[in-house]
Amino acid sequence: MAGTFSQIYIQVIFAVDGRRSLIRPSWEAELLRYMKGIISKMGERPLAINGETDHVHILLGIRPSCCLLDLVREIKKATNDHINSRHLLEPRFQWQEGFGAFSYSHSSLDDVIEYILNQKEHHRTLFFKEEYQKLLREFSVDHKEEHLFDWVE
């Protein structure tokens, strides 16, 4: 019997509502583990997860049947509920609408994983807005500036 074989790797990036710096160091590691659990429970492979106080990067290995929109929606919904039900933050926590998604080849995974795991160091010299716009340019993603995240200046 023939099977379906694939290698689909996607980096997903999304931001805190209003791009506020609300992800606290005291519970960030727990949040990232929780995201990993959600992704695994949905049958996909979390390869690297990290971020900053205002955004998150997730590198995924996904099945051809994965609906990325549904996966990201569930990650955001479940983590919103987790943070708010545990009262980890006042006021209520919420992710911004939308996300970025960028595909990678198997040969570039090590570099992407290293990049994601070194987010704290990386953002000492580069703001999130610059990073995100650079990715959009590098991947030739057609976009309108007014449809990007709400940026905090």
C-alpha atoms as a PDB file:
ATOM      1  CA  MET A   1       0.000   0.000   0.000  1.00  0.00           C
ATOM      2  CA  ALA A   2       1.361   3.439  -0.949  1.00  0.00           C
ATOM      3  CA  GLY A   3       1.939   5.986   1.776  1.00  0.00           C
ATOM      4  CA  THR A   4       2.235   9.732   2.040  1.00  0.00           C
ATOM      5  CA  PHE A   5       5.668  11.031   2.928  1.00  0.00           C
ATOM      6  CA  SER A   6       6.529  14.650   3.559  1.00  0.00           C
ATOM      7  CA  GLN A   7       8.927  17.122   5.095  1.00  0.00           C
ATOM      8  CA  ILE A   8       7.083  20.352   5.806  1.00  0.00           C
ATOM      9  CA  TYR A   9       8.753  22.832   8.140  1.00  0.00           C
ATOM     10  CA  ILE A  10       7.124  26.128   9.055  1.00  0.00           C
ATOM     11  CA  GLN A  11       8.255  28.927  11.357  1.00  0.00           C
ATOM     12  CA  VAL A  12       5.253  30.690  12.883  1.00  0.00           C
ATOM     13  CA  ILE A  13       5.605  34.101  14.535  1.00  0.00           C
ATOM     14  CA  PHE A  14       2.912  35.938  16.453  1.00  0.00           C
ATOM     15  CA  ALA A  15       2.803  38.840  18.881  1.00  0.00           C
ATOM     16  CA  VAL A  16       1.144  39.874  22.118  1.00  0.00           C
ATOM     17  CA  ASP A  17      -1.905  42.119  21.590  1.00  0.00           C
ATOM     18  CA  GLY A  18      -0.764  45.694  21.073  1.00  0.00           C
ATOM     19  CA  ARG A  19       2.799  44.373  20.961  1.00  0.00           C
ATOM     20  CA  ARG A  20       3.012  44.963  24.692  1.00  0.00           C
ATOM     21  CA  SER A  21       5.852  43.332  26.630  1.00  0.00           C
ATOM     22  CA  LEU A  22       3.661  41.080  28.771  1.00  0.00           C
ATOM     23  CA  ILE A  23       5.373  37.681  28.705  1.00  0.00           C
ATOM     24  CA  ARG A  24       7.101  37.516  32.083  1.00  0.00           C
ATOM     25  CA  PRO A  25      10.379  35.646  32.701  1.00  0.00           C
ATOM     26  CA  SER A  26       8.783  34.040  35.782  1.00  0.00           C
ATOM     27  CA  TRP A  27       6.323  32.035  33.639  1.00  0.00           C
ATOM     28  CA  GLU A  28       7.779  32.169  30.116  1.00  0.00           C
ATOM     29  CA  ALA A  29       9.348  28.674  30.253  1.00  0.00           C
ATOM     30  CA  GLU A  30       6.025  27.224  31.447  1.00  0.00           C
ATOM     31  CA  LEU A  31       4.209  28.983  28.584  1.00  0.00           C
ATOM     32  CA  LEU A  32       6.620  27.599  25.993  1.00  0.00           C
ATOM     33  CA  ARG A  33       6.261  24.064  27.406  1.00  0.00           C
ATOM     34  CA  TYR A  34       2.485  24.468  27.332  1.00  0.00           C
ATOM     35  CA  MET A  35       2.655  25.507  23.652  1.00  0.00           C
ATOM     36  CA  LYS A  36       4.805  22.454  22.908  1.00  0.00           C
ATOM     37  CA  GLY A  37       2.166  20.247  24.528  1.00  0.00           C
ATOM     38  CA  ILE A  38      -0.650  21.791  22.483  1.00  0.00           C
ATOM     39  CA  ILE A  39       1.258  21.290  19.249  1.00  0.00           C
ATOM     40  CA  SER A  40       2.119  17.680  20.096  1.00  0.00           C
ATOM     41  CA  LYS A  41      -1.447  16.925  21.167  1.00  0.00           C
ATOM     42  CA  MET A  42      -2.638  18.147  17.765  1.00  0.00           C
ATOM     43  CA  GLY A  43      -0.306  15.647  16.069  1.00  0.00           C
ATOM     44  CA  GLU A  44       2.347  18.081  14.865  1.00  0.00           C
ATOM     45  CA  ARG A  45       6.050  18.320  15.830  1.00  0.00           C
ATOM     46  CA  PRO A  46       7.378  21.329  17.760  1.00  0.00           C
ATOM     47  CA  LEU A  47      11.064  21.636  16.814  1.00  0.00           C
ATOM     48  CA  ALA A  48      11.908  24.945  18.553  1.00  0.00           C
ATOM     49  CA  ILE A  49       9.913  27.494  20.543  1.00  0.00           C
ATOM     50  CA  ASN A  50      11.212  30.733  22.002  1.00  0.00           C
ATOM     51  CA  GLY A  51      10.578  34.420  21.939  1.00  0.00           C
ATOM     52  CA  GLU A  52      10.728  37.691  23.722  1.00  0.00           C
ATOM     53  CA  THR A  53       8.401  39.551  26.065  1.00  0.00           C
ATOM     54  CA  ASP A  54       6.200  40.644  23.139  1.00  0.00           C
ATOM     55  CA  HIS A  55       6.294  37.790  20.587  1.00  0.00           C
ATOM     56  CA  VAL A  56       6.942  34.085  20.004  1.00  0.00           C
ATOM     57  CA  HIS A  57       8.669  32.041  17.299  1.00  0.00           C
ATOM     58  CA  ILE A  58       7.687  28.392  16.758  1.00  0.00           C
ATOM     59  CA  LEU A  59       9.364  26.026  14.305  1.00  0.00           C
ATOM     60  CA  LEU A  60       7.044  23.166  13.394  1.00  0.00           C
ATOM     61  CA  GLY A  61       7.237  19.971  11.441  1.00  0.00           C
ATOM     62  CA  ILE A  62       3.710  19.513  10.128  1.00  0.00           C
ATOM     63  CA  ARG A  63       1.731  16.822   8.339  1.00  0.00           C
ATOM     64  CA  PRO A  64       0.233  17.540   4.904  1.00  0.00           C
ATOM     65  CA  SER A  65      -3.228  17.399   6.485  1.00  0.00           C
ATOM     66  CA  CYS A  66      -2.428  20.151   9.005  1.00  0.00           C
ATOM     67  CA  CYS A  67      -4.453  23.325   8.691  1.00  0.00           C
ATOM     68  CA  LEU A  68      -1.943  25.892   9.916  1.00  0.00           C
ATOM     69  CA  LEU A  69      -4.638  28.483  10.602  1.00  0.00           C
ATOM     70  CA  ASP A  70      -6.474  26.076  12.920  1.00  0.00           C
ATOM     71  CA  LEU A  71      -3.255  25.064  14.672  1.00  0.00           C
ATOM     72  CA  VAL A  72      -2.188  28.655  15.372  1.00  0.00           C
ATOM     73  CA  ARG A  73      -5.732  29.570  16.424  1.00  0.00           C
ATOM     74  CA  GLU A  74      -5.715  26.701  18.955  1.00  0.00           C
ATOM     75  CA  ILE A  75      -2.246  27.606  20.286  1.00  0.00           C
ATOM     76  CA  LYS A  76      -3.346  31.209  20.834  1.00  0.00           C
ATOM     77  CA  LYS A  77      -6.728  30.308  22.352  1.00  0.00           C
ATOM     78  CA  ALA A  78      -5.338  27.669  24.705  1.00  0.00           C
ATOM     79  CA  THR A  79      -2.449  29.839  25.888  1.00  0.00           C
ATOM     80  CA  ASN A  80      -4.738  32.850  26.398  1.00  0.00           C
ATOM     81  CA  ASP A  81      -6.995  30.647  28.549  1.00  0.00           C
ATOM     82  CA  HIS A  82      -4.015  29.154  30.410  1.00  0.00           C
ATOM     83  CA  ILE A  83      -2.462  32.521  31.279  1.00  0.00           C
ATOM     84  CA  ASN A  84      -5.771  34.122  32.231  1.00  0.00           C
ATOM     85  CA  SER A  85      -7.185  31.200  34.241  1.00  0.00           C
ATOM     86  CA  ARG A  86      -3.980  31.054  36.299  1.00  0.00           C
ATOM     87  CA  HIS A  87      -4.054  34.844  36.800  1.00  0.00           C
ATOM     88  CA  LEU A  88      -0.462  35.132  35.645  1.00  0.00           C
ATOM     89  CA  LEU A  89      -1.053  38.657  34.458  1.00  0.00           C
ATOM     90  CA  GLU A  90      -3.328  41.610  35.001  1.00  0.00           C
ATOM     91  CA  PRO A  91      -4.955  42.858  32.803  1.00  0.00           C
ATOM     92  CA  ARG A  92      -6.146  39.920  30.715  1.00  0.00           C
ATOM     93  CA  PHE A  93      -3.611  38.489  28.305  1.00  0.00           C
ATOM     94  CA  GLN A  94      -4.361  38.191  24.601  1.00  0.00           C
ATOM     95  CA  TRP A  95      -2.411  37.569  21.412  1.00  0.00           C
ATOM     96  CA  GLN A  96      -2.733  39.934  18.460  1.00  0.00           C
ATOM     97  CA  GLU A  97      -4.712  38.775  15.460  1.00  0.00           C
ATOM     98  CA  GLY A  98      -2.741  37.296  12.610  1.00  0.00           C
ATOM     99  CA  PHE A  99       0.637  35.617  12.358  1.00  0.00           C
ATOM    100  CA  GLY A 100       3.570  35.150  10.028  1.00  0.00           C
ATOM    101  CA  ALA A 101       4.419  31.747   8.555  1.00  0.00           C
ATOM    102  CA  PHE A 102       7.624  30.962   6.695  1.00  0.00           C
ATOM    103  CA  SER A 103       8.634  27.622   5.160  1.00  0.00           C
ATOM    104  CA  TYR A 104      12.095  26.072   5.343  1.00  0.00           C
ATOM    105  CA  SER A 105      14.003  23.185   3.790  1.00  0.00           C
ATOM    106  CA  HIS A 106      15.347  20.325   5.877  1.00  0.00           C
ATOM    107  CA  SER A 107      18.908  21.517   5.226  1.00  0.00           C
ATOM    108  CA  SER A 108      18.250  24.870   6.940  1.00  0.00           C
ATOM    109  CA  LEU A 109      16.662  23.488  10.129  1.00  0.00           C
ATOM    110  CA  ASP A 110      19.780  23.701  12.295  1.00  0.00           C
ATOM    111  CA  ASP A 111      20.209  27.397  11.457  1.00  0.00           C
ATOM    112  CA  VAL A 112      16.538  28.183  12.079  1.00  0.00           C
ATOM    113  CA  ILE A 113      16.524  26.288  15.392  1.00  0.00           C
ATOM    114  CA  GLU A 114      19.660  28.141  16.529  1.00  0.00           C
ATOM    115  CA  TYR A 115      18.088  31.443  15.469  1.00  0.00           C
ATOM    116  CA  ILE A 116      14.916  30.740  17.454  1.00  0.00           C
ATOM    117  CA  LEU A 117      16.729  29.489  20.544  1.00  0.00           C
ATOM    118  CA  ASN A 118      18.888  32.633  20.576  1.00  0.00           C
ATOM    119  CA  GLN A 119      16.008  35.125  20.458  1.00  0.00           C
ATOM    120  CA  LYS A 120      17.024  36.974  23.632  1.00  0.00           C
ATOM    121  CA  GLU A 121      20.527  37.614  22.323  1.00  0.00           C
ATOM    122  CA  HIS A 122      19.275  38.418  18.826  1.00  0.00           C
ATOM    123  CA  HIS A 123      16.871  41.090  20.067  1.00  0.00           C
ATOM    124  CA  ARG A 124      19.573  43.002  21.888  1.00  0.00           C
ATOM    125  CA  THR A 125      20.470  44.518  18.523  1.00  0.00           C
ATOM    126  CA  LEU A 126      17.315  44.129  16.422  1.00  0.00           C
ATOM    127  CA  PHE A 127      13.760  45.222  17.213  1.00  0.00           C
ATOM    128  CA  PHE A 128      10.906  42.817  16.481  1.00  0.00           C
ATOM    129  CA  LYS A 129       9.464  45.122  13.819  1.00  0.00           C
ATOM    130  CA  GLU A 130      12.779  45.129  11.922  1.00  0.00           C
ATOM    131  CA  GLU A 131      13.101  41.358  12.294  1.00  0.00           C
ATOM    132  CA  TYR A 132       9.583  40.715  11.021  1.00  0.00           C
ATOM    133  CA  GLN A 133       9.877  43.096   8.069  1.00  0.00           C
ATOM    134  CA  LYS A 134      13.238  41.520   7.168  1.00  0.00           C
ATOM    135  CA  LEU A 135      11.617  38.064   7.052  1.00  0.00           C
ATOM    136  CA  LEU A 136       8.794  39.366   4.880  1.00  0.00           C
ATOM    137  CA  ARG A 137      11.350  40.806   2.440  1.00  0.00           C
ATOM    138  CA  GLU A 138      13.598  37.716   2.468  1.00  0.00           C
ATOM    139  CA  PHE A 139      10.646  35.435   1.720  1.00  0.00           C
ATOM    140  CA  SER A 140       9.158  37.877  -0.834  1.00  0.00           C
ATOM    141  CA  VAL A 141       5.856  37.963   1.053  1.00  0.00           C
ATOM    142  CA  ASP A 142       3.500  40.452  -0.553  1.00  0.00           C
ATOM    143  CA  HIS A 143       2.004  42.588   2.214  1.00  0.00           C
ATOM    144  CA  LYS A 144       0.645  45.985   3.068  1.00  0.00           C
ATOM    145  CA  GLU A 145       2.190  47.875   5.959  1.00  0.00           C
ATOM    146  CA  GLU A 146      -1.235  48.690   7.434  1.00  0.00           C
ATOM    147  CA  HIS A 147      -2.003  44.946   7.714  1.00  0.00           C
ATOM    148  CA  LEU A 148       1.016  44.182   9.877  1.00  0.00           C
ATOM    149  CA  PHE A 149       0.938  43.985  13.667  1.00  0.00           C
ATOM    150  CA  ASP A 150       0.193  47.074  15.716  1.00  0.00           C
ATOM    151  CA  TRP A 151       3.694  48.297  16.473  1.00  0.00           C
ATOM    152  CA  VAL A 152       4.721  49.897  19.726  1.00  0.00           C
ATOM    153  CA  GLU A 153       7.187  52.677  18.977  1.00  0.00           C
END
